[in-house]
Amino acid sequence: MANTNTSKKVQVLQPVQKQVLEGEENQPIKRRVCAYCRVSTDSEEQMKSYNAQVSEYEKIITDNQDWEFVDVYADEGISGTNVKHRFAFNRMIRDCESGKIDLVITKSISRFARNTVDCLKHVRELKNIGVEVFFEKENIYSFDSKMELVLTMLSSIAQEESRNISENTKWGLKKRFKDGAAICNTDRLLGYDKDKEGNLIVNEEQAKLVRRIYREYLDGKGYDSIAQGIEADGIKTVAGKTKWWDSTIRGILENA
């Protein structure tokens, strides 16, 4: 009887070795870090706080050798109770989803969101894709095992504070209207400043430009032509920009 036993050959598959470039093996992987900041009004005091936050966070991230700076996402003059109109916040979330960010730093829960549902929703979604959030004021990281309970409590408190602040703000605005006080941010208002009492006063240097814009428009010039003429004379916008848009001229003429 013929021997039916045949030896089977087993092929051993070797693991694929990842190619490591020279000097790369000792380099630690840096965390890609961004910051989010927001102010809820466009008052002069809040805008100063907003600008300070942006500068501070950029310095904190770039000074840390273990971090790679991504961006500072900042919303100005926008309420935190709903994220729908917070364009910088939504852009940050999209960048997180695209794998560009590992860690988000924010001043506090109230700066991140004053709506409990939105806050928990986004923190959970970011956690699921491996993005951590650090709340500086509360000193908590979203990857902490006890974070969920703490965050729920603190978010609820922030939401209630937002409601109280909203009521107080409405009362304050009504009183200022009644007293005839000016309610505007003169940092973005061409032609006016505020005195020590908060009353509007004419900024004569800027007023010359406003009069020029109206005069040239009445002489038949279009928005774009007026803007080009101002640029040619090297005059900066109220925000310190060198570019004048035709929409800016239109807004001044329509008092928008």
Protein backbone atom coordinates (compact mmCIF):
# COMPACT_ATOMS: atom_id res chain seq x y z
CA MET A 1 0.00 0.00 0.00
CA ALA A 2 1.40 3.34 -0.99
CA ASN A 3 2.32 5.82 1.72
CA THR A 4 -0.22 8.64 1.50
CA ASN A 5 1.48 10.84 4.11
CA THR A 6 2.82 13.98 2.50
CA SER A 7 4.72 16.68 4.31
CA LYS A 8 3.05 20.07 4.19
CA LYS A 9 5.16 23.13 3.86
CA VAL A 10 4.28 26.02 6.17
CA GLN A 11 5.15 29.51 5.00
CA VAL A 12 6.07 31.86 7.82
CA LEU A 13 5.06 35.46 7.16
CA GLN A 14 7.49 37.97 8.58
CA PRO A 15 6.09 41.20 10.05
CA VAL A 16 6.53 44.27 7.91
CA GLN A 17 9.11 46.55 9.44
CA LYS A 18 8.20 50.23 9.45
CA GLN A 19 10.94 52.30 7.92
CA VAL A 20 12.32 54.77 10.44
CA LEU A 21 14.25 57.71 9.13
CA GLU A 22 17.62 58.55 10.62
CA GLY A 23 17.23 60.50 13.88
CA GLU A 24 13.46 59.97 13.94
CA GLU A 25 13.43 57.10 16.44
CA ASN A 26 14.35 59.35 19.39
CA GLN A 27 11.95 62.18 18.59
CA PRO A 28 8.84 62.31 20.85
CA ILE A 29 5.48 62.77 19.17
CA LYS A 30 4.16 66.25 19.89
CA ARG A 31 0.52 66.87 20.77
CA ARG A 32 -1.24 69.11 18.30
CA VAL A 33 -2.81 71.78 20.47
CA CYS A 34 -5.26 74.61 19.86
CA ALA A 35 -7.14 77.04 22.08
CA TYR A 36 -10.70 78.29 22.01
CA CYS A 37 -11.74 81.63 23.48
CA ARG A 38 -14.86 83.75 23.34
CA VAL A 39 -16.35 86.98 24.64
CA SER A 40 -20.12 87.35 24.66
CA THR A 41 -20.38 91.12 24.11
CA ASP A 42 -18.58 93.68 21.96
CA SER A 43 -17.96 96.18 24.77
CA GLU A 44 -14.51 97.77 24.91
CA GLU A 45 -13.64 95.94 28.14
CA GLN A 46 -14.67 92.57 26.71
CA MET A 47 -12.76 93.18 23.47
CA LYS A 48 -9.59 93.90 25.45
CA SER A 49 -10.11 90.62 27.31
CA TYR A 50 -10.69 88.84 23.99
CA ASN A 51 -7.46 90.15 22.45
CA ALA A 52 -5.52 89.29 25.61
CA GLN A 53 -6.86 85.72 25.58
CA VAL A 54 -5.82 85.18 21.96
CA SER A 55 -2.26 86.43 22.59
CA GLU A 56 -1.92 84.54 25.87
CA TYR A 57 -2.98 81.17 24.48
CA GLU A 58 -0.78 81.45 21.41
CA LYS A 59 2.21 82.10 23.69
CA ILE A 60 1.32 79.27 26.10
CA ILE A 61 1.11 76.71 23.29
CA THR A 62 4.17 77.83 21.32
CA ASP A 63 6.31 77.97 24.49
CA ASN A 64 5.58 74.30 25.32
CA GLN A 65 8.18 72.08 23.62
CA ASP A 66 5.88 69.05 23.81
CA TRP A 67 3.12 70.81 21.89
CA GLU A 68 2.65 71.76 18.27
CA PHE A 69 0.65 74.96 17.79
CA VAL A 70 -2.39 74.55 15.55
CA ASP A 71 -4.47 77.70 15.95
CA VAL A 72 -6.42 79.94 18.31
CA TYR A 73 -10.10 79.74 17.45
CA ALA A 74 -11.86 82.86 18.70
CA ASP A 75 -15.44 84.09 18.59
CA GLU A 76 -16.10 87.72 19.48
CA GLY A 77 -19.37 89.30 20.57
CA ILE A 78 -21.22 85.97 20.50
CA SER A 79 -23.26 84.31 23.24
CA GLY A 80 -22.23 80.88 24.44
CA THR A 81 -25.73 79.56 25.05
CA ASN A 82 -25.95 78.07 21.56
CA VAL A 83 -23.13 77.00 19.21
CA LYS A 84 -25.10 77.51 15.98
CA HIS A 85 -23.67 80.97 15.25
CA ARG A 86 -20.22 80.42 16.79
CA PHE A 87 -18.33 80.13 13.52
CA ALA A 88 -14.81 79.75 14.97
CA PHE A 89 -16.04 77.08 17.39
CA ASN A 90 -17.66 75.10 14.58
CA ARG A 91 -14.51 75.43 12.46
CA MET A 92 -12.49 74.05 15.38
CA ILE A 93 -14.84 71.06 15.69
CA ARG A 94 -14.44 70.34 11.97
CA ASP A 95 -10.65 70.47 12.29
CA CYS A 96 -10.85 68.06 15.24
CA GLU A 97 -12.94 65.68 13.15
CA SER A 98 -10.37 65.97 10.34
CA GLY A 99 -7.64 64.74 12.68
CA LYS A 100 -5.74 68.03 12.93
CA ILE A 101 -6.04 68.48 16.73
CA ASP A 102 -5.23 66.36 19.80
CA LEU A 103 -5.92 68.83 22.63
CA VAL A 104 -8.20 71.85 23.01
CA ILE A 105 -7.48 74.39 25.75
CA THR A 106 -10.21 76.77 26.90
CA LYS A 107 -10.53 79.24 29.76
CA SER A 108 -13.56 77.67 31.42
CA ILE A 109 -16.74 75.70 30.86
CA SER A 110 -18.67 78.96 30.51
CA ARG A 111 -16.34 80.05 27.67
CA PHE A 112 -16.70 76.67 25.94
CA ALA A 113 -20.50 76.58 26.30
CA ARG A 114 -23.18 77.78 28.72
CA ASN A 115 -25.62 75.21 27.43
CA THR A 116 -25.27 71.88 29.28
CA VAL A 117 -26.51 69.80 26.37
CA ASP A 118 -24.12 71.39 23.85
CA CYS A 119 -21.18 71.19 26.24
CA LEU A 120 -21.61 67.49 27.02
CA LYS A 121 -22.43 66.66 23.40
CA HIS A 122 -19.24 68.17 22.00
CA VAL A 123 -16.99 66.93 24.82
CA ARG A 124 -18.27 63.37 24.29
CA GLU A 125 -17.93 63.59 20.51
CA LEU A 126 -14.37 64.89 20.79
CA LYS A 127 -13.50 62.19 23.32
CA ASN A 128 -14.76 59.51 20.93
CA ILE A 129 -12.32 60.68 18.25
CA GLY A 130 -9.42 61.01 20.68
CA VAL A 131 -9.47 64.77 21.23
CA GLU A 132 -9.12 65.98 24.82
CA VAL A 133 -10.41 69.28 26.23
CA PHE A 134 -8.74 71.08 29.14
CA PHE A 135 -10.82 73.58 31.13
CA GLU A 136 -8.27 75.91 32.71
CA LYS A 137 -10.38 77.56 35.42
CA GLU A 138 -11.88 74.29 36.66
CA ASN A 139 -8.55 72.45 36.15
CA ILE A 140 -10.19 69.37 34.62
CA TYR A 141 -9.39 67.27 31.56
CA SER A 142 -12.17 65.64 29.57
CA PHE A 143 -10.34 62.26 29.59
CA ASP A 144 -10.58 62.12 33.41
CA SER A 145 -12.84 59.24 34.52
CA LYS A 146 -14.73 61.50 36.96
CA MET A 147 -15.10 64.29 34.43
CA GLU A 148 -18.61 63.40 33.23
CA LEU A 149 -20.30 64.00 36.59
CA VAL A 150 -18.28 67.12 37.37
CA LEU A 151 -18.84 68.56 33.91
CA THR A 152 -22.59 67.97 34.10
CA MET A 153 -22.82 69.83 37.42
CA LEU A 154 -20.60 72.72 36.36
CA SER A 155 -22.28 73.08 32.96
CA SER A 156 -25.69 73.30 34.64
CA ILE A 157 -24.38 76.03 36.95
CA ALA A 158 -22.91 77.91 33.98
CA GLN A 159 -26.22 77.68 32.11
CA GLU A 160 -28.12 79.13 35.08
CA GLU A 161 -25.52 81.91 35.42
CA SER A 162 -25.99 82.73 31.75
CA ARG A 163 -29.75 83.09 32.24
CA ASN A 164 -29.23 85.40 35.24
CA ILE A 165 -26.64 87.48 33.39
CA SER A 166 -28.99 87.79 30.42
CA GLU A 167 -31.76 89.14 32.65
CA ASN A 168 -29.38 91.57 34.36
CA THR A 169 -27.99 92.71 31.01
CA LYS A 170 -31.47 93.42 29.65
CA TRP A 171 -32.28 95.46 32.76
CA GLY A 172 -29.01 97.39 32.42
CA LEU A 173 -29.61 98.15 28.75
CA LYS A 174 -33.12 99.40 29.44
CA LYS A 175 -31.79 101.70 32.16
CA ARG A 176 -29.02 103.05 29.91
CA PHE A 177 -31.53 103.70 27.13
CA LYS A 178 -33.73 105.51 29.64
CA ASP A 179 -30.77 107.61 30.82
CA GLY A 180 -29.76 108.40 27.23
CA ALA A 181 -26.35 106.72 27.53
CA ALA A 182 -24.53 105.53 24.40
CA ILE A 183 -24.37 101.75 23.97
CA CYS A 184 -21.74 100.91 21.38
CA ASN A 185 -18.12 99.88 20.96
CA THR A 186 -16.22 102.93 19.69
CA ASP A 187 -13.22 100.73 18.81
CA ARG A 188 -15.20 99.76 15.70
CA LEU A 189 -17.12 103.04 15.25
CA LEU A 190 -15.51 105.40 12.75
CA GLY A 191 -15.72 109.06 13.73
CA TYR A 192 -16.50 108.78 17.45
CA ASP A 193 -14.83 108.22 20.82
CA LYS A 194 -16.19 108.10 24.37
CA ASP A 195 -15.47 110.53 27.18
CA LYS A 196 -14.92 109.50 30.82
CA GLU A 197 -18.68 109.43 31.43
CA GLY A 198 -19.25 107.12 28.46
CA ASN A 199 -20.80 109.80 26.24
CA LEU A 200 -20.06 109.84 22.52
CA ILE A 201 -17.74 112.60 21.31
CA VAL A 202 -16.60 113.33 17.76
CA ASN A 203 -13.12 112.14 16.77
CA GLU A 204 -12.21 115.03 14.48
CA GLU A 205 -9.47 113.19 12.58
CA GLN A 206 -11.75 110.27 11.75
CA ALA A 207 -14.66 112.62 11.10
CA LYS A 208 -12.69 114.16 8.21
CA LEU A 209 -12.62 110.76 6.54
CA VAL A 210 -16.34 110.20 7.11
CA ARG A 211 -17.13 113.58 5.54
CA ARG A 212 -14.85 112.74 2.61
CA ILE A 213 -16.68 109.46 1.98
CA TYR A 214 -20.07 111.19 1.95
CA ARG A 215 -18.78 114.04 -0.22
CA GLU A 216 -17.26 111.72 -2.83
CA TYR A 217 -20.41 109.63 -2.92
CA LEU A 218 -22.54 112.74 -3.51
CA ASP A 219 -20.11 113.71 -6.28
CA GLY A 220 -21.01 110.48 -8.08
CA LYS A 221 -18.25 108.06 -7.07
CA GLY A 222 -19.11 104.41 -6.44
CA TYR A 223 -18.26 102.36 -3.36
CA ASP A 224 -15.27 100.65 -4.96
CA SER A 225 -13.85 103.89 -6.34
CA ILE A 226 -14.06 105.57 -2.93
CA ALA A 227 -12.37 102.58 -1.27
CA GLN A 228 -9.53 102.57 -3.81
CA GLY A 229 -8.93 106.28 -3.29
CA ILE A 230 -8.67 105.89 0.49
CA GLU A 231 -6.27 102.95 0.07
CA ALA A 232 -4.13 104.98 -2.33
CA ASP A 233 -3.79 107.69 0.32
CA GLY A 234 -2.53 105.10 2.84
CA ILE A 235 -5.41 105.58 5.29
CA LYS A 236 -6.10 102.57 7.52
CA THR A 237 -9.50 101.30 8.60
CA VAL A 238 -10.75 101.74 12.17
CA ALA A 239 -9.47 98.19 12.81
CA GLY A 240 -6.00 99.15 11.57
CA LYS A 241 -6.25 97.31 8.23
CA THR A 242 -4.85 98.68 4.97
CA LYS A 243 -7.54 97.07 2.79
CA TRP A 244 -10.80 98.96 2.30
CA TRP A 245 -13.74 96.96 0.94
CA ASP A 246 -16.60 98.46 -1.03
CA SER A 247 -18.95 96.83 1.49
CA THR A 248 -17.27 98.86 4.25
CA ILE A 249 -17.93 102.09 2.38
CA ARG A 250 -21.52 101.05 1.80
CA GLY A 251 -21.96 100.25 5.51
CA ILE A 252 -20.68 103.71 6.48
CA LEU A 253 -22.99 105.45 4.01
CA GLU A 254 -26.00 103.40 5.10
CA ASN A 255 -25.02 103.77 8.77
CA ALA A 256 -25.19 99.97 9.05
